[in-house]
Amino acid sequence: MGEIRHDISQQGAWTVFGLEGQLDRSTAEETGSRLSEVWKTSSQLAVELSGLEYISSAGIRIIIRLAKQAKAEGKAFCICGAAGFVKEVVEDANLDLLVDMYSSAEALP
């Protein structure tokens, strides 16, 4: 069972939802709920993955769901800070074709 920590901060106009630990089947529901809460009050949301050690298909589904919701609602959504194994999984899932990706929260437009 993975462990996950969430951190919310601001980077300019962006709300940055930071993740640390493992985003897998055991942590996806809690993370999805927290993201949904933050989503309601954000017009620009970035999910910061630099502290993530592992992401499973359950985590990928959360990102895809938010990307679709952002498009439907006309909100800005991106991911940033993906590195190592997490970046490989994100790219293998072709999320870079669905979602804008930035190297870090500091690189957000």
Protein backbone atom coordinates (compact mmCIF):
# COMPACT_ATOMS: atom_id res chain seq x y z
CA MET A 1 0.00 0.00 0.00
CA GLY A 2 1.35 3.35 -1.03
CA GLU A 3 1.43 6.55 0.94
CA ILE A 4 0.64 9.97 -0.47
CA ARG A 5 0.95 13.54 0.75
CA HIS A 6 -0.79 16.55 -0.80
CA ASP A 7 0.36 20.15 -0.74
CA ILE A 8 -1.49 23.14 -2.17
CA SER A 9 0.28 26.37 -3.09
CA GLN A 10 0.07 29.25 -5.56
CA GLN A 11 2.43 29.99 -8.44
CA GLY A 12 1.21 33.20 -10.03
CA ALA A 13 -2.37 32.59 -11.21
CA TRP A 14 -1.94 28.81 -10.93
CA THR A 15 -3.10 26.68 -8.02
CA VAL A 16 -0.40 24.02 -7.64
CA PHE A 17 -1.49 20.67 -6.20
CA GLY A 18 1.73 18.94 -5.16
CA LEU A 19 1.95 15.18 -4.73
CA GLU A 20 4.58 13.26 -2.79
CA GLY A 21 4.84 9.51 -2.40
CA GLN A 22 2.95 6.95 -4.43
CA LEU A 23 -0.18 7.54 -6.48
CA ASP A 24 -1.62 4.06 -6.86
CA ARG A 25 -4.86 2.16 -6.36
CA SER A 26 -4.68 2.57 -2.58
CA THR A 27 -4.20 6.37 -2.70
CA ALA A 28 -6.10 7.32 -5.87
CA GLU A 29 -9.54 7.75 -4.31
CA GLU A 30 -8.30 10.11 -1.59
CA THR A 31 -6.20 12.06 -4.09
CA GLY A 32 -9.06 12.29 -6.59
CA SER A 33 -11.39 13.63 -3.88
CA ARG A 34 -8.89 16.27 -2.75
CA LEU A 35 -8.24 17.31 -6.36
CA SER A 36 -11.98 17.63 -7.00
CA GLU A 37 -12.31 19.97 -4.00
CA VAL A 38 -9.43 22.15 -5.20
CA TRP A 39 -10.74 22.05 -8.78
CA LYS A 40 -14.03 23.70 -7.77
CA THR A 41 -12.26 26.92 -6.73
CA SER A 42 -9.45 27.00 -9.31
CA SER A 43 -9.49 28.34 -12.84
CA GLN A 44 -5.89 27.24 -13.45
CA LEU A 45 -4.74 24.00 -11.83
CA ALA A 46 -1.29 22.42 -12.08
CA VAL A 47 -0.58 18.98 -10.64
CA GLU A 48 3.04 18.94 -9.45
CA LEU A 49 4.57 15.47 -9.74
CA SER A 50 8.19 16.13 -8.73
CA GLY A 51 7.70 14.49 -5.31
CA LEU A 52 5.98 11.44 -6.75
CA GLU A 53 7.98 8.21 -6.65
CA TYR A 54 5.39 6.01 -8.36
CA ILE A 55 2.23 6.40 -10.42
CA SER A 56 -0.07 3.56 -11.50
CA SER A 57 -2.89 3.41 -14.03
CA ALA A 58 -5.23 4.63 -11.27
CA GLY A 59 -3.19 7.84 -11.04
CA ILE A 60 -3.11 8.22 -14.81
CA ARG A 61 -6.94 7.96 -14.85
CA ILE A 62 -7.19 10.86 -12.39
CA ILE A 63 -5.09 13.05 -14.67
CA ILE A 64 -7.08 12.05 -17.76
CA ARG A 65 -10.37 12.75 -15.98
CA LEU A 66 -9.16 16.23 -14.95
CA ALA A 67 -7.90 16.97 -18.47
CA LYS A 68 -11.31 16.12 -19.92
CA GLN A 69 -13.09 18.13 -17.23
CA ALA A 70 -10.81 21.13 -17.87
CA LYS A 71 -11.58 21.06 -21.57
CA ALA A 72 -15.32 20.80 -20.93
CA GLU A 73 -15.30 23.66 -18.40
CA GLY A 74 -12.81 25.89 -20.22
CA LYS A 75 -10.28 25.83 -17.38
CA ALA A 76 -6.50 25.60 -17.63
CA PHE A 77 -4.94 22.32 -16.47
CA CYS A 78 -1.41 20.99 -16.69
CA ILE A 79 1.09 18.72 -15.00
CA CYS A 80 4.61 19.68 -14.05
CA GLY A 81 7.74 18.27 -12.50
CA ALA A 82 7.41 14.71 -13.78
CA ALA A 83 10.80 12.98 -13.61
CA GLY A 84 12.34 9.53 -13.73
CA PHE A 85 9.91 6.60 -13.59
CA VAL A 86 6.88 8.89 -13.26
CA LYS A 87 7.86 10.82 -16.40
CA GLU A 88 8.32 7.54 -18.30
CA VAL A 89 4.84 6.34 -17.30
CA VAL A 90 3.26 9.70 -18.15
CA GLU A 91 4.90 9.71 -21.57
CA ASP A 92 4.12 6.01 -22.21
CA ALA A 93 0.46 6.82 -21.50
CA ASN A 94 0.72 9.67 -24.05
CA LEU A 95 -0.48 12.18 -21.46
CA ASP A 96 1.85 14.73 -23.02
CA LEU A 97 -0.53 14.71 -26.00
CA LEU A 98 -3.57 15.40 -23.77
CA VAL A 99 -2.12 17.72 -21.15
CA ASP A 100 0.42 20.53 -21.21
CA MET A 101 3.55 19.49 -19.34
CA TYR A 102 6.13 21.78 -17.73
CA SER A 103 9.47 20.95 -16.16
CA SER A 104 8.53 22.57 -12.84
CA ALA A 105 5.93 24.79 -11.17
CA GLU A 106 8.31 27.71 -11.64
CA ALA A 107 8.11 27.16 -15.43
CA LEU A 108 4.31 27.63 -15.55
CA PRO A 109 3.21 30.40 -17.94
